[in-house]
Protein backbone atom coordinates (compact mmCIF):
# COMPACT_ATOMS: atom_id res chain seq x y z
CA UNK A 1 -73.39 -61.91 -51.87
CA UNK A 2 -76.31 -61.39 -49.59
CA UNK A 3 -76.07 -58.33 -47.43
CA UNK A 4 -75.72 -58.91 -43.72
CA UNK A 5 -78.26 -57.27 -41.47
CA UNK A 6 -76.93 -54.22 -39.64
CA UNK A 7 -76.95 -55.92 -36.27
CA UNK A 8 -74.66 -58.65 -37.62
CA UNK A 9 -72.33 -56.06 -39.11
CA UNK A 10 -72.15 -54.28 -35.75
CA UNK A 11 -71.54 -57.57 -33.98
CA UNK A 12 -68.69 -58.35 -36.37
CA UNK A 13 -67.22 -54.88 -35.73
CA UNK A 14 -67.37 -55.36 -31.97
CA UNK A 15 -65.75 -58.78 -32.28
CA UNK A 16 -62.87 -57.38 -34.32
CA UNK A 17 -62.42 -54.42 -31.98
CA UNK A 18 -62.20 -56.80 -29.07
CA UNK A 19 -59.53 -58.79 -30.91
CA UNK A 20 -57.59 -55.56 -31.42
CA UNK A 21 -57.80 -54.73 -27.72
CA UNK A 22 -56.59 -58.19 -26.69
CA UNK A 23 -53.23 -57.80 -28.44
CA UNK A 24 -51.21 -60.97 -28.03
CA UNK A 25 -53.88 -62.56 -25.86
CA UNK A 26 -54.53 -63.05 -22.17
CA UNK A 27 -51.65 -65.46 -21.58
CA UNK A 28 -49.02 -63.08 -22.95
CA UNK A 29 -50.63 -60.13 -21.16
CA UNK A 30 -50.37 -62.10 -17.92
CA UNK A 31 -46.66 -62.68 -18.58
CA UNK A 32 -46.19 -58.94 -19.15
CA UNK A 33 -47.92 -58.18 -15.85
CA UNK A 34 -45.89 -60.86 -14.08
CA UNK A 35 -42.74 -58.94 -15.02
CA UNK A 36 -44.16 -55.84 -13.32
CA UNK A 37 -44.84 -54.21 -16.70
CA UNK A 38 -47.97 -52.59 -18.09
CA UNK A 39 -49.22 -53.47 -21.53
CA UNK A 40 -48.82 -51.03 -24.40
CA UNK A 41 -52.47 -49.96 -24.13
CA UNK A 42 -52.26 -49.54 -20.37
CA UNK A 43 -49.18 -47.35 -20.82
CA UNK A 44 -51.00 -45.08 -23.24
CA UNK A 45 -53.98 -44.89 -20.90
CA UNK A 46 -51.75 -43.84 -17.99
CA UNK A 47 -49.86 -41.32 -20.13
CA UNK A 48 -52.74 -39.46 -21.77
CA UNK A 49 -55.73 -37.57 -20.43
CA UNK A 50 -58.59 -39.97 -19.78
CA UNK A 51 -60.59 -40.80 -22.89
CA UNK A 52 -58.47 -38.67 -25.22
CA UNK A 53 -56.66 -41.39 -27.20
CA UNK A 54 -57.59 -41.83 -30.85
CA UNK A 55 -56.00 -44.92 -32.36
CA UNK A 56 -54.76 -45.14 -35.95
CA UNK A 57 -54.50 -48.19 -38.22
CA UNK A 58 -55.47 -50.66 -35.52
CA UNK A 59 -56.48 -53.40 -37.97
CA UNK A 60 -53.19 -53.66 -39.84
CA UNK A 61 -51.79 -57.18 -40.27
CA UNK A 62 -48.36 -58.43 -41.27
CA UNK A 63 -47.97 -59.23 -44.98
CA UNK A 64 -45.52 -62.05 -44.26
CA UNK A 65 -46.45 -65.68 -43.80
CA UNK A 66 -46.81 -66.31 -40.10
CA UNK A 67 -48.62 -68.91 -38.08
CA UNK A 68 -50.41 -66.20 -36.17
CA UNK A 69 -51.47 -62.83 -37.51
CA UNK A 70 -52.50 -60.27 -34.92
CA UNK A 71 -54.12 -56.91 -35.56
CA UNK A 72 -51.80 -53.94 -35.10
CA UNK A 73 -48.65 -55.92 -35.83
CA UNK A 74 -46.96 -55.19 -32.52
CA UNK A 75 -47.44 -51.45 -32.16
CA UNK A 76 -50.23 -49.07 -31.14
CA UNK A 77 -50.20 -45.61 -32.72
CA UNK A 78 -52.41 -42.57 -32.43
CA UNK A 79 -52.88 -39.19 -30.79
CA UNK A 80 -54.43 -37.73 -27.66
CA UNK A 81 -53.80 -35.06 -25.09
CA UNK A 82 -51.67 -34.38 -22.03
CA UNK A 83 -53.14 -31.56 -19.94
CA UNK A 84 -55.39 -30.85 -22.94
CA UNK A 85 -52.40 -30.39 -25.26
CA UNK A 86 -52.18 -32.44 -28.46
CA UNK A 87 -49.49 -35.15 -28.63
CA UNK A 88 -48.80 -38.12 -30.88
CA UNK A 89 -47.67 -41.42 -29.44
CA UNK A 90 -46.71 -44.95 -30.33
CA UNK A 91 -46.25 -47.86 -27.96
CA UNK A 92 -44.63 -51.13 -28.99
CA UNK A 93 -46.62 -54.13 -27.81
CA UNK A 94 -44.33 -56.83 -26.44
CA UNK A 95 -47.25 -59.29 -26.32
CA UNK A 96 -47.34 -59.28 -30.14
CA UNK A 97 -44.24 -60.84 -31.69
CA UNK A 98 -42.18 -59.36 -28.84
CA UNK A 99 -42.85 -55.87 -30.19
CA UNK A 100 -40.37 -56.60 -33.00
CA UNK A 101 -39.96 -54.13 -35.82
CA UNK A 102 -41.64 -55.17 -39.04
CA UNK A 103 -42.60 -53.60 -42.34
CA UNK A 104 -46.14 -52.80 -41.18
CA UNK A 105 -45.10 -51.70 -37.71
CA UNK A 106 -42.64 -49.18 -39.15
CA UNK A 107 -45.27 -48.03 -41.64
CA UNK A 108 -47.67 -47.30 -38.79
CA UNK A 109 -45.05 -45.42 -36.78
CA UNK A 110 -43.88 -43.42 -39.80
CA UNK A 111 -47.42 -42.35 -40.72
CA UNK A 112 -48.04 -41.25 -37.13
CA UNK A 113 -44.82 -39.22 -37.16
CA UNK A 114 -45.75 -37.63 -40.49
CA UNK A 115 -49.03 -36.49 -38.97
CA UNK A 116 -47.14 -35.09 -35.98
CA UNK A 117 -44.89 -33.17 -38.37
CA UNK A 118 -47.81 -31.75 -40.31
CA UNK A 119 -49.62 -30.75 -37.11
CA UNK A 120 -46.49 -29.58 -35.24
CA UNK A 121 -47.32 -31.82 -32.29
CA UNK A 122 -44.89 -33.48 -29.82
CA UNK A 123 -44.13 -37.18 -30.12
CA UNK A 124 -43.79 -39.74 -27.33
CA UNK A 125 -41.92 -42.95 -28.25
CA UNK A 126 -42.76 -45.88 -25.94
CA UNK A 127 -40.23 -48.62 -26.68
CA UNK A 128 -40.46 -52.25 -25.60
CA UNK A 129 -39.16 -54.43 -28.41
CA UNK A 130 -37.07 -57.48 -29.14
CA UNK A 131 -35.52 -55.65 -32.11
CA UNK A 132 -35.84 -56.31 -35.83
CA UNK A 133 -38.22 -59.07 -36.97
CA UNK A 134 -35.52 -61.31 -38.37
CA UNK A 135 -37.79 -63.28 -40.69
CA UNK A 136 -38.62 -60.06 -42.59
CA UNK A 137 -34.96 -59.38 -43.32
CA UNK A 138 -34.07 -56.14 -45.08
CA UNK A 139 -37.67 -54.95 -44.94
CA UNK A 140 -37.41 -54.69 -41.18
CA UNK A 141 -34.13 -52.78 -41.37
CA UNK A 142 -35.60 -50.38 -43.92
CA UNK A 143 -38.41 -49.74 -41.45
CA UNK A 144 -35.91 -48.53 -38.85
CA UNK A 145 -34.36 -46.21 -41.42
CA UNK A 146 -37.74 -44.61 -42.10
CA UNK A 147 -38.23 -43.93 -38.38
CA UNK A 148 -34.71 -42.50 -38.01
CA UNK A 149 -35.34 -40.12 -40.89
CA UNK A 150 -38.53 -38.80 -39.31
CA UNK A 151 -36.99 -38.55 -35.85
CA UNK A 152 -34.35 -36.30 -37.36
CA UNK A 153 -36.94 -34.36 -39.35
CA UNK A 154 -38.93 -33.66 -36.17
CA UNK A 155 -35.84 -32.80 -34.11
CA UNK A 156 -35.88 -29.17 -33.02
CA UNK A 157 -39.39 -28.70 -34.40
CA UNK A 158 -41.37 -30.55 -31.71
CA UNK A 159 -40.34 -32.08 -28.38
CA UNK A 160 -39.68 -35.82 -28.58
CA UNK A 161 -39.47 -37.99 -25.48
CA UNK A 162 -38.44 -41.66 -25.54
CA UNK A 163 -39.65 -43.99 -22.80
CA UNK A 164 -37.53 -47.14 -22.65
CA UNK A 165 -39.81 -49.61 -20.89
CA UNK A 166 -38.27 -52.88 -21.96
CA UNK A 167 -35.54 -54.03 -24.33
CA UNK A 168 -34.16 -51.60 -26.91
CA UNK A 169 -31.25 -53.24 -28.65
CA UNK A 170 -29.28 -53.00 -31.86
CA UNK A 171 -30.20 -50.37 -34.41
CA UNK A 172 -33.39 -49.63 -32.48
CA UNK A 173 -31.31 -47.70 -29.92
CA UNK A 174 -30.36 -44.99 -32.39
CA UNK A 175 -33.81 -43.44 -32.60
CA UNK A 176 -34.23 -42.68 -28.87
CA UNK A 177 -30.68 -41.34 -28.77
CA UNK A 178 -31.75 -38.75 -31.36
CA UNK A 179 -34.78 -37.60 -29.34
CA UNK A 180 -34.72 -34.81 -26.77
CA UNK A 181 -35.14 -36.88 -23.61
CA UNK A 182 -34.85 -40.52 -22.56
CA UNK A 183 -36.62 -41.91 -19.49
CA UNK A 184 -36.01 -45.53 -18.49
CA UNK A 185 -37.63 -48.06 -16.17
CA UNK A 186 -35.23 -49.33 -13.55
CA UNK A 187 -34.43 -53.07 -13.65
CA UNK A 188 -36.85 -53.65 -16.52
CA UNK A 189 -35.30 -51.80 -19.45
CA UNK A 190 -31.98 -51.76 -21.24
CA UNK A 191 -30.31 -50.20 -24.30
CA UNK A 192 -27.25 -51.41 -26.18
CA UNK A 193 -26.04 -51.96 -29.72
CA UNK A 194 -24.67 -55.44 -29.10
CA UNK A 195 -25.90 -57.72 -26.34
CA UNK A 196 -23.91 -59.58 -23.69
CA UNK A 197 -23.51 -62.72 -25.82
CA UNK A 198 -22.04 -60.80 -28.76
CA UNK A 199 -19.76 -58.82 -26.45
CA UNK A 200 -18.45 -62.06 -24.95
CA UNK A 201 -17.90 -63.74 -28.31
CA UNK A 202 -16.04 -60.77 -29.81
CA UNK A 203 -14.13 -59.32 -26.87
CA UNK A 204 -14.20 -62.05 -24.25
CA UNK A 205 -15.76 -59.63 -21.75
CA UNK A 206 -18.46 -61.10 -19.50
CA UNK A 207 -21.33 -58.82 -18.50
CA UNK A 208 -25.09 -59.08 -18.05
CA UNK A 209 -27.74 -56.98 -19.78
CA UNK A 210 -28.39 -54.78 -16.74
CA UNK A 211 -24.76 -53.75 -16.29
CA UNK A 212 -24.20 -53.43 -20.02
CA UNK A 213 -27.16 -51.22 -20.82
CA UNK A 214 -29.55 -50.92 -17.88
CA UNK A 215 -30.92 -47.68 -16.50
CA UNK A 216 -28.15 -47.11 -13.96
CA UNK A 217 -25.51 -47.55 -16.64
CA UNK A 218 -27.10 -44.88 -18.81
CA UNK A 219 -27.88 -42.58 -15.89
CA UNK A 220 -24.34 -42.68 -14.44
CA UNK A 221 -21.86 -43.73 -17.14
CA UNK A 222 -23.04 -43.03 -20.67
CA UNK A 223 -25.27 -40.06 -19.85
CA UNK A 224 -27.77 -41.32 -22.41
CA UNK A 225 -30.73 -41.39 -20.00
CA UNK A 226 -32.10 -38.25 -18.37
CA UNK A 227 -34.44 -39.78 -15.80
CA UNK A 228 -35.65 -43.15 -14.54
CA UNK A 229 -38.64 -44.48 -12.66
CA UNK A 230 -39.01 -47.58 -10.53
CA UNK A 231 -42.28 -48.56 -12.18
CA UNK A 232 -44.02 -48.03 -15.49
CA UNK A 233 -46.42 -45.66 -13.76
CA UNK A 234 -43.54 -43.53 -12.44
CA UNK A 235 -41.94 -43.35 -15.88
CA UNK A 236 -45.19 -42.20 -17.48
CA UNK A 237 -45.71 -39.58 -14.79
CA UNK A 238 -42.16 -38.29 -15.29
CA UNK A 239 -42.90 -38.01 -19.00
CA UNK A 240 -45.94 -35.84 -18.30
CA UNK A 241 -43.86 -33.70 -15.95
CA UNK A 242 -41.04 -33.12 -18.46
CA UNK A 243 -43.56 -32.32 -21.17
CA UNK A 244 -45.22 -29.68 -18.95
CA UNK A 245 -42.19 -27.35 -19.28
CA UNK A 246 -42.18 -27.27 -23.08
CA UNK A 247 -44.32 -25.70 -25.78
CA UNK A 248 -45.90 -27.90 -28.41
CA UNK A 249 -43.47 -26.78 -31.09
CA UNK A 250 -40.60 -24.44 -31.87
CA UNK A 251 -42.83 -21.53 -32.88
CA UNK A 252 -44.53 -21.32 -29.48
CA UNK A 253 -43.28 -19.76 -26.25
CA UNK A 254 -42.65 -21.78 -23.11
CA UNK A 255 -45.70 -22.79 -21.12
CA UNK A 256 -46.71 -20.58 -18.17
CA UNK A 257 -48.09 -22.38 -15.10
CA UNK A 258 -49.88 -20.32 -12.40
CA UNK A 259 -47.95 -20.14 -9.13
CA UNK A 260 -48.60 -18.81 -5.64
CA UNK A 261 -44.89 -18.23 -5.05
CA UNK A 262 -44.36 -14.47 -4.84
CA UNK A 263 -42.04 -13.05 -7.51
CA UNK A 264 -40.47 -10.66 -4.98
CA UNK A 265 -39.74 -13.37 -2.40
CA UNK A 266 -36.39 -12.83 -0.72
CA UNK A 267 -34.19 -15.53 0.78
CA UNK A 268 -32.03 -14.05 3.54
CA UNK A 269 -30.11 -17.32 3.87
CA UNK A 270 -28.57 -16.76 0.42
CA UNK A 271 -26.56 -13.83 1.80
CA UNK A 272 -24.50 -16.27 3.85
CA UNK A 273 -24.64 -19.22 1.44
CA UNK A 274 -21.13 -18.82 0.00
CA UNK A 275 -18.39 -19.59 2.57
CA UNK A 276 -15.71 -16.98 3.33
CA UNK A 277 -13.07 -19.55 2.44
CA UNK A 278 -13.08 -19.73 -1.41
CA UNK A 279 -11.94 -23.35 -1.31
CA UNK A 280 -14.86 -24.47 0.86
CA UNK A 281 -17.80 -26.07 -0.98
CA UNK A 282 -21.51 -25.38 -0.59
CA UNK A 283 -24.65 -26.75 -2.21
CA UNK A 284 -25.63 -25.18 -5.54
CA UNK A 285 -28.77 -27.32 -5.39
CA UNK A 286 -29.76 -25.36 -2.29
CA UNK A 287 -29.22 -22.10 -4.19
CA UNK A 288 -31.42 -23.28 -7.04
CA UNK A 289 -34.21 -24.45 -4.75
CA UNK A 290 -34.28 -21.05 -3.01
CA UNK A 291 -34.56 -18.92 -6.16
CA UNK A 292 -36.91 -20.87 -8.46
CA UNK A 293 -40.65 -21.30 -7.94
CA UNK A 294 -41.09 -23.65 -5.01
CA UNK A 295 -40.80 -27.35 -5.94
CA UNK A 296 -40.48 -26.51 -9.62
CA UNK A 297 -36.91 -27.72 -10.22
CA UNK A 298 -36.62 -31.00 -12.11
CA UNK A 299 -32.99 -32.06 -12.38
CA UNK A 300 -31.91 -34.06 -15.43
CA UNK A 301 -28.94 -36.45 -15.70
CA UNK A 302 -28.29 -35.93 -12.00
CA UNK A 303 -25.83 -38.84 -11.67
CA UNK A 304 -23.89 -38.17 -14.87
CA UNK A 305 -21.14 -35.54 -14.55
CA UNK A 306 -22.54 -34.41 -11.16
CA UNK A 307 -20.00 -31.56 -11.09
CA UNK A 308 -22.48 -29.70 -13.24
CA UNK A 309 -26.24 -29.36 -12.88
CA UNK A 310 -28.88 -29.08 -15.58
CA UNK A 311 -32.62 -29.06 -15.17
CA UNK A 312 -36.00 -27.50 -15.79
CA UNK A 313 -37.56 -24.95 -13.47
CA UNK A 314 -39.98 -22.04 -13.35
CA UNK A 315 -39.68 -18.40 -12.41
CA UNK A 316 -43.07 -16.80 -11.71
CA UNK A 317 -44.66 -19.69 -13.60
CA UNK A 318 -42.48 -19.40 -16.71
CA UNK A 319 -40.43 -22.42 -17.77
CA UNK A 320 -36.64 -22.05 -18.00
CA UNK A 321 -33.56 -24.21 -18.32
CA UNK A 322 -31.04 -24.08 -15.46
CA UNK A 323 -27.30 -24.62 -15.97
CA UNK A 324 -25.01 -24.55 -12.94
CA UNK A 325 -21.91 -26.05 -11.36
CA UNK A 326 -21.86 -28.02 -8.14
CA UNK A 327 -18.89 -26.87 -5.97
CA UNK A 328 -19.40 -29.90 -3.74
CA UNK A 329 -18.42 -32.20 -6.66
CA UNK A 330 -14.75 -31.86 -7.73
CA UNK A 331 -15.09 -28.11 -7.12
CA UNK A 332 -17.55 -27.74 -10.01
CA UNK A 333 -14.85 -27.99 -12.68
CA UNK A 334 -15.69 -28.45 -16.34
CA UNK A 335 -14.62 -31.65 -18.09
CA UNK A 336 -15.50 -33.77 -21.10
CA UNK A 337 -18.74 -35.22 -19.72
CA UNK A 338 -20.02 -32.00 -18.19
CA UNK A 339 -19.32 -30.17 -21.45
CA UNK A 340 -21.42 -32.66 -23.42
CA UNK A 341 -24.16 -32.52 -20.80
CA UNK A 342 -24.39 -28.73 -20.83
CA UNK A 343 -24.06 -28.27 -24.59
CA UNK A 344 -26.86 -30.67 -25.45
CA UNK A 345 -29.17 -29.16 -22.82
CA UNK A 346 -28.55 -25.58 -23.95
CA UNK A 347 -29.38 -26.55 -27.53
CA UNK A 348 -32.55 -28.33 -26.36
CA UNK A 349 -33.70 -25.22 -24.50
CA UNK A 350 -32.92 -23.09 -27.53
CA UNK A 351 -34.95 -25.36 -29.82
CA UNK A 352 -38.09 -24.92 -27.77
CA UNK A 353 -37.79 -21.32 -26.58
CA UNK A 354 -36.89 -21.95 -22.97
CA UNK A 355 -34.82 -19.09 -21.51
CA UNK A 356 -31.49 -20.20 -20.04
CA UNK A 357 -30.43 -19.19 -16.53
CA UNK A 358 -26.76 -19.96 -15.81
CA UNK A 359 -25.36 -19.97 -12.25
CA UNK A 360 -21.57 -19.85 -12.38
CA UNK A 361 -19.08 -21.15 -9.83
CA UNK A 362 -16.35 -22.85 -11.83
CA UNK A 363 -12.56 -22.76 -11.35
CA UNK A 364 -11.97 -23.81 -14.96
CA UNK A 365 -11.49 -26.98 -16.96
CA UNK A 366 -10.14 -30.16 -15.38
CA UNK A 367 -6.44 -30.60 -16.24
CA UNK A 368 -4.92 -33.96 -17.06
CA UNK A 369 -3.58 -36.25 -19.76
CA UNK A 370 -6.85 -38.20 -20.07
CA UNK A 371 -8.88 -35.04 -20.60
CA UNK A 372 -6.50 -33.64 -23.21
CA UNK A 373 -6.07 -36.89 -25.12
CA UNK A 374 -9.82 -37.54 -25.19
CA UNK A 375 -10.65 -34.17 -26.67
CA UNK A 376 -11.58 -31.82 -23.84
CA UNK A 377 -10.86 -28.91 -26.21
CA UNK A 378 -13.42 -30.18 -28.70
CA UNK A 379 -15.97 -30.97 -26.00
CA UNK A 380 -15.49 -27.59 -24.33
CA UNK A 381 -15.96 -25.94 -27.71
CA UNK A 382 -19.41 -27.56 -27.86
CA UNK A 383 -20.46 -25.46 -24.85
CA UNK A 384 -19.29 -22.16 -26.30
CA UNK A 385 -20.87 -23.11 -29.62
CA UNK A 386 -24.21 -23.95 -28.00
CA UNK A 387 -24.35 -20.70 -26.02
CA UNK A 388 -23.21 -18.61 -29.01
CA UNK A 389 -25.74 -20.21 -31.33
CA UNK A 390 -28.72 -19.95 -28.98
CA UNK A 391 -31.22 -17.15 -29.55
CA UNK A 392 -33.39 -17.48 -26.44
CA UNK A 393 -33.23 -15.03 -23.51
CA UNK A 394 -30.10 -15.77 -21.44
CA UNK A 395 -29.34 -14.63 -17.91
CA UNK A 396 -26.12 -15.39 -16.06
CA UNK A 397 -25.48 -15.03 -12.33
CA UNK A 398 -21.83 -15.31 -11.27
CA UNK A 399 -21.98 -16.78 -7.78
CA UNK A 400 -18.28 -17.23 -7.04
CA UNK A 401 -15.49 -18.46 -9.32
CA UNK A 402 -15.53 -17.66 -13.03
CA UNK A 403 -11.99 -18.40 -14.19
CA UNK A 404 -10.44 -18.58 -17.64
CA UNK A 405 -12.17 -20.50 -20.40
CA UNK A 406 -14.95 -21.55 -18.05
CA UNK A 407 -15.92 -17.89 -17.60
CA UNK A 408 -16.10 -17.44 -21.35
CA UNK A 409 -18.10 -20.53 -22.29
CA UNK A 410 -20.61 -20.44 -19.42
CA UNK A 411 -22.85 -17.69 -20.66
CA UNK A 412 -20.48 -14.72 -20.52
CA UNK A 413 -21.81 -11.38 -21.69
CA UNK A 414 -19.54 -11.22 -24.74
CA UNK A 415 -20.87 -14.63 -25.83
CA UNK A 416 -24.36 -13.24 -26.23
CA UNK A 417 -25.86 -13.44 -22.75
CA UNK A 418 -28.45 -10.70 -22.39
CA UNK A 419 -28.12 -9.82 -18.71
CA UNK A 420 -25.31 -10.70 -16.30
CA UNK A 421 -25.54 -10.40 -12.53
CA UNK A 422 -22.88 -11.09 -9.93
CA UNK A 423 -22.93 -11.73 -6.23
CA UNK A 424 -20.39 -9.78 -4.11
CA UNK A 425 -18.53 -13.10 -3.75
CA UNK A 426 -17.91 -13.30 -7.52
CA UNK A 427 -14.32 -13.83 -8.70
CA UNK A 428 -13.78 -13.17 -12.43
CA UNK A 429 -10.21 -13.74 -13.57
CA UNK A 430 -7.96 -15.49 -16.06
CA UNK A 431 -7.04 -17.99 -13.36
CA UNK A 432 -7.15 -18.52 -9.62
CA UNK A 433 -4.93 -16.44 -7.32
CA UNK A 434 -2.51 -19.27 -6.53
CA UNK A 435 -1.69 -19.95 -10.17
CA UNK A 436 -1.58 -16.28 -11.10
CA UNK A 437 0.73 -15.41 -8.21
CA UNK A 438 3.19 -18.17 -9.08
CA UNK A 439 3.41 -16.89 -12.66
CA UNK A 440 3.53 -13.17 -11.92
CA UNK A 441 5.73 -13.21 -8.83
CA UNK A 442 7.81 -16.39 -9.12
CA UNK A 443 11.15 -14.61 -8.80
CA UNK A 444 9.94 -12.43 -5.92
CA UNK A 445 8.69 -15.48 -4.02
CA UNK A 446 11.89 -17.49 -4.63
CA UNK A 447 14.10 -14.65 -3.40
CA UNK A 448 12.00 -13.90 -0.31
CA UNK A 449 13.37 -14.66 3.16
CA UNK A 450 10.25 -16.76 3.80
CA UNK A 451 8.94 -17.89 0.37
CA UNK A 452 5.83 -19.56 1.77
CA UNK A 453 4.79 -16.49 3.76
CA UNK A 454 5.52 -14.23 0.78
CA UNK A 455 3.43 -16.47 -1.47
CA UNK A 456 0.49 -16.35 0.95
CA UNK A 457 0.79 -12.57 1.24
CA UNK A 458 0.81 -12.07 -2.51
CA UNK A 459 -2.13 -14.45 -2.99
CA UNK A 460 -4.14 -12.48 -0.45
CA UNK A 461 -3.13 -9.20 -2.09
CA UNK A 462 -4.05 -10.51 -5.57
CA UNK A 463 -7.41 -11.76 -4.35
CA UNK A 464 -8.31 -8.42 -2.77
CA UNK A 465 -7.12 -6.37 -5.73
CA UNK A 466 -8.35 -8.42 -8.70
CA UNK A 467 -10.81 -11.12 -7.57
CA UNK A 468 -13.90 -9.03 -7.06
CA UNK A 469 -16.84 -8.28 -9.33
CA UNK A 470 -16.37 -4.52 -9.35
CA UNK A 471 -13.52 -4.57 -11.86
CA UNK A 472 -15.67 -6.53 -14.33
CA UNK A 473 -18.66 -4.29 -13.66
CA UNK A 474 -16.57 -1.18 -14.28
CA UNK A 475 -15.54 -2.64 -17.63
CA UNK A 476 -19.17 -3.32 -18.56
CA UNK A 477 -19.01 -7.11 -18.38
CA UNK A 478 -21.46 -7.30 -15.47
CA UNK A 479 -24.78 -5.45 -15.52
CA UNK A 480 -25.41 -5.38 -11.79
CA UNK A 481 -23.89 -6.62 -8.54
CA UNK A 482 -26.74 -7.81 -6.36
CA UNK A 483 -27.40 -9.02 -2.86
CA UNK A 484 -27.77 -12.79 -3.05
CA UNK A 485 -31.19 -12.61 -1.39
CA UNK A 486 -32.45 -10.54 -4.36
CA UNK A 487 -31.54 -13.16 -6.95
CA UNK A 488 -35.05 -14.48 -7.55
CA UNK A 489 -36.52 -10.99 -7.88
CA UNK A 490 -33.75 -9.86 -10.24
CA UNK A 491 -34.03 -12.91 -12.51
CA UNK A 492 -37.80 -12.58 -12.81
CA UNK A 493 -37.51 -8.88 -13.63
CA UNK A 494 -34.79 -9.61 -16.20
CA UNK A 495 -36.87 -12.34 -17.85
CA UNK A 496 -39.72 -9.89 -18.16
CA UNK A 497 -37.47 -7.25 -19.70
CA UNK A 498 -36.17 -9.54 -22.45
CA UNK A 499 -39.31 -11.60 -23.05
CA UNK A 500 -39.79 -10.21 -26.57
CA UNK A 501 -36.27 -11.07 -27.71
CA UNK A 502 -36.17 -12.31 -31.28
CA UNK A 503 -33.11 -13.06 -33.35
CA UNK A 504 -33.44 -14.13 -36.96
CA UNK A 505 -31.17 -17.02 -37.87
CA UNK A 506 -28.66 -16.81 -40.70
CA UNK A 507 -29.57 -18.09 -44.14
CA UNK A 508 -27.05 -20.92 -43.91
CA UNK A 509 -28.18 -24.53 -43.60
CA UNK A 510 -26.62 -24.91 -40.17
CA UNK A 511 -23.33 -24.36 -38.38
CA UNK A 512 -20.68 -27.06 -38.08
CA UNK A 513 -20.71 -27.83 -34.36
CA UNK A 514 -17.57 -29.61 -33.08
CA UNK A 515 -19.30 -32.90 -32.25
């Protein structure tokens, strides 16, 4: 065969590269844009630093007989940088066979994830797919299995963030559920195992895709999603923001971001933040905002189990995980959902060396038949397991109530917390004064001339005698009782004092967490 001149070879290369860039073609791209969605390539461009993306295996074609064969086979894979930090990424291309999973698509994704594993680099999963490519049968299903295996292999080694930017149905939903964070696009994305039609045919229940598995469902009811954006651009920006708090892998320390917020800043308003009436709520969000670096708090799963708060923040530029209770939401009690929410977050922070700061104001676990029958004991045990297992620096500040089991599981000193502070308003006890008084002085109250007045007197006496932080401090369970306004200063100093903490893990495979 006669050799082609170099200029013809280059022309052929440019032609093929252009075909790669066009994906499913202009008509399908227009349909994607008409839905208010970016294309897979546009998403990668918005996510990564400009000009940093290096694509892998862009010329791959499906091996199955199809009328139309398109380069890339419905997914774009490669690596680039976010804030000059290496990441690996794949983005399913809905303009090519609806982004459906195929043999070659899964092969591309798996190779990319193998490279991420070998280079200890984070992985961003951008999902927009109609599911398995049915015509490929078992081959398509096997492809999912290969991705699941690698998602698990990477878990705890490198941060993984899933961006659900379109459909994610059936078996495809398992992989994002196994990653560290899920961010969805409102009104344009959904996740479920079985769609509305199957639900109707099997159960008779009628529901649409949005209410079955849309962003609001997973933000408020299932707790599967951590954040959501109104547009693709917002989702991609949120991804960059979440990533900014984490190191590249489990062997690195948390990222430090320069800040102009003074480490010794005092907030006088904190001294009067907690009401005199112990039953009166206040905003824990306000407490958090006043002690962390200004505008650094990023709350996660805000609408799921809102009686507890989790999120990422910085103290003097250093990334931390925040765990707290919200007294304005059912008094900040612990329950099944809040237990799951806290336990998973604590383990995530521990994986990637983020210190954990716990702010405690919790009257205990929510009583009730539903809670008991649905395993609140098991779910609560997840929290104590997560805190006990974690090896990162841990600081606890008892703001007000720390009663019973809630005191124990929420970063108590005997559970391995390094440094424990308390505000003067702290109440550490087996239970609240009302319950304790009824148990301890039932006969005395019943026999009193005025039982109600006697009950109130004994409650007040119990509160003054036992519900103060000094008893716990005298026993060594609290390191220091601080003025609330000093909280930021004290936490930053404590983080500095335990920054070299290192605990070697046991030689066992892993513990048996009560999942």
